Protein backbone atom coordinates (compact mmCIF):
# COMPACT_ATOMS: atom_id res chain seq x y z
CA UNK A 1 80.38 112.53 141.38
CA UNK A 2 83.90 113.94 140.82
CA UNK A 3 84.36 116.63 138.19
CA UNK A 4 86.82 116.04 135.29
CA UNK A 5 89.72 118.58 134.96
CA UNK A 6 89.05 121.32 132.40
CA UNK A 7 91.63 120.04 129.99
CA UNK A 8 90.02 116.64 129.92
CA UNK A 9 86.49 118.13 129.32
CA UNK A 10 88.02 120.18 126.40
CA UNK A 11 89.64 117.17 124.87
CA UNK A 12 86.50 115.06 125.15
CA UNK A 13 84.40 117.79 123.57
CA UNK A 14 86.94 118.70 120.87
CA UNK A 15 85.00 118.87 117.48
CA UNK A 16 87.96 117.81 115.31
CA UNK A 17 88.54 114.71 117.53
CA UNK A 18 84.89 113.81 117.49
CA UNK A 19 84.61 114.20 113.75
CA UNK A 20 87.50 111.74 113.30
CA UNK A 21 85.93 109.33 115.77
CA UNK A 22 82.64 109.39 113.98
CA UNK A 23 84.30 109.09 110.56
CA UNK A 24 85.95 105.85 111.63
CA UNK A 25 82.52 104.33 112.16
CA UNK A 26 83.97 102.17 115.03
CA UNK A 27 81.42 102.95 117.70
CA UNK A 28 78.91 100.21 118.50
CA UNK A 29 80.74 97.60 116.44
CA UNK A 30 81.80 94.05 117.27
CA UNK A 31 85.25 93.18 118.65
CA UNK A 32 88.01 94.06 116.30
CA UNK A 33 91.02 91.57 115.79
CA UNK A 34 93.42 94.57 115.35
CA UNK A 35 92.55 95.89 118.76
CA UNK A 36 92.75 92.50 120.23
CA UNK A 37 96.41 92.29 118.93
CA UNK A 38 97.15 95.79 120.33
CA UNK A 39 95.88 94.83 123.75
CA UNK A 40 97.72 91.52 123.79
CA UNK A 41 101.01 93.38 122.96
CA UNK A 42 100.21 95.95 125.65
CA UNK A 43 99.52 93.25 128.35
CA UNK A 44 102.83 91.55 127.48
CA UNK A 45 104.91 94.73 127.40
CA UNK A 46 103.41 96.12 130.61
CA UNK A 47 103.30 92.74 132.36
CA UNK A 48 99.57 93.36 133.37
CA UNK A 49 96.64 90.98 133.09
CA UNK A 50 94.30 93.39 131.24
CA UNK A 51 94.64 96.12 128.64
CA UNK A 52 91.79 98.03 127.07
CA UNK A 53 91.28 100.20 124.06
CA UNK A 54 88.44 102.73 124.64
CA UNK A 55 86.92 105.02 122.04
CA UNK A 56 85.47 108.02 123.90
CA UNK A 57 82.50 109.86 122.32
CA UNK A 58 80.83 112.95 123.88
CA UNK A 59 78.21 110.97 125.68
CA UNK A 60 79.68 107.37 125.94
CA UNK A 61 82.73 105.29 125.70
């Protein structure tokens, strides 16, 4: 398995970022219409078939 660059590892493990992510209470929830709209706009603007919103936790995404 390939190792992530050090700056990516630091960002993923950043305690402030993780605190905000957990405070949003968005992990393990159903699909969100707001994110659906964001990805629809992204697919149209970028002219691609798929766009994703990913919330990255320390152990999962």
